Amino acid sequence: MNFETLPAMRKRHHLELVAAIEAERDKGITQTLAARNLDVSLQSLNNQIGRYGIEWKIKRQGSKRGSVA
């Protein structure tokens, strides 16, 4: 039997995760929608974007409903 080593498994997981995030980014959608598509929280997605140095152009920023500027 040929088993995958732990370092190899971590490397593969990292590459798959980065590829999935970049695929969502390339769709041109918001991070909120991407987080929903990947079934993770927005905070988790933002942590991974920062951790792996993924560039994500901010599409738009809104204000909270009812807030006073």
Protein backbone atom coordinates (compact mmCIF):
# COMPACT_ATOMS: atom_id res chain seq x y z
CA MET A 1 0.00 0.00 0.00
CA ASN A 2 1.10 3.52 -0.73
CA PHE A 3 0.11 5.95 2.01
CA GLU A 4 0.31 9.72 1.83
CA THR A 5 2.61 11.25 4.44
CA LEU A 6 1.30 13.97 6.75
CA PRO A 7 3.49 16.73 5.22
CA ALA A 8 2.35 15.70 1.73
CA MET A 9 -1.29 15.70 2.88
CA ARG A 10 -0.91 19.19 4.38
CA LYS A 11 0.71 20.49 1.19
CA ARG A 12 -2.09 19.00 -0.96
CA HIS A 13 -4.77 20.45 1.33
CA HIS A 14 -3.12 23.88 1.18
CA LEU A 15 -2.98 23.82 -2.63
CA GLU A 16 -6.62 22.67 -2.91
CA LEU A 17 -7.79 25.34 -0.46
CA VAL A 18 -5.95 28.14 -2.24
CA ALA A 19 -7.25 26.91 -5.61
CA ALA A 20 -10.86 26.88 -4.33
CA ILE A 21 -10.56 30.40 -2.89
CA GLU A 22 -8.93 31.74 -6.06
CA ALA A 23 -11.65 30.12 -8.20
CA GLU A 24 -14.30 31.98 -6.18
CA ARG A 25 -12.31 35.22 -6.46
CA ASP A 26 -12.03 34.82 -10.23
CA LYS A 27 -15.83 34.63 -10.51
CA GLY A 28 -15.89 38.31 -9.50
CA ILE A 29 -18.29 37.80 -6.61
CA THR A 30 -18.18 39.29 -3.13
CA GLN A 31 -16.34 37.60 -0.29
CA THR A 32 -19.66 37.09 1.49
CA LEU A 33 -21.04 35.09 -1.43
CA ALA A 34 -17.78 33.18 -1.78
CA ALA A 35 -17.91 32.23 1.91
CA ARG A 36 -21.44 30.91 1.43
CA ASN A 37 -20.37 28.92 -1.65
CA LEU A 38 -17.42 27.41 0.24
CA ASP A 39 -19.60 26.77 3.31
CA VAL A 40 -17.31 28.70 5.67
CA SER A 41 -17.84 31.84 7.70
CA LEU A 42 -16.82 35.18 6.23
CA GLN A 43 -14.31 35.60 9.05
CA SER A 44 -12.74 32.24 8.24
CA LEU A 45 -12.51 33.12 4.55
CA ASN A 46 -10.89 36.47 5.36
CA ASN A 47 -8.42 34.75 7.69
CA GLN A 48 -7.43 32.33 4.93
CA ILE A 49 -7.15 35.12 2.35
CA GLY A 50 -4.80 36.99 4.67
CA ARG A 51 -2.86 33.91 5.76
CA TYR A 52 -2.17 32.76 2.21
CA GLY A 53 -1.64 36.24 0.73
CA ILE A 54 -4.46 35.97 -1.80
CA GLU A 55 -5.28 39.26 -3.54
CA TRP A 56 -9.03 39.94 -3.59
CA LYS A 57 -10.22 43.18 -5.11
CA ILE A 58 -12.97 44.67 -2.99
CA LYS A 59 -16.08 44.85 -5.13
CA ARG A 60 -18.05 47.28 -3.00
CA GLN A 61 -18.45 48.31 0.56
CA GLY A 62 -21.78 49.16 2.04
CA SER A 63 -22.94 50.70 5.25
CA LYS A 64 -25.00 49.02 7.90
CA ARG A 65 -28.69 49.71 7.65
CA GLY A 66 -29.79 52.53 9.93
CA SER A 67 -26.29 53.78 10.74
CA VAL A 68 -25.59 57.48 10.84
CA ALA A 69 -22.54 58.69 8.94
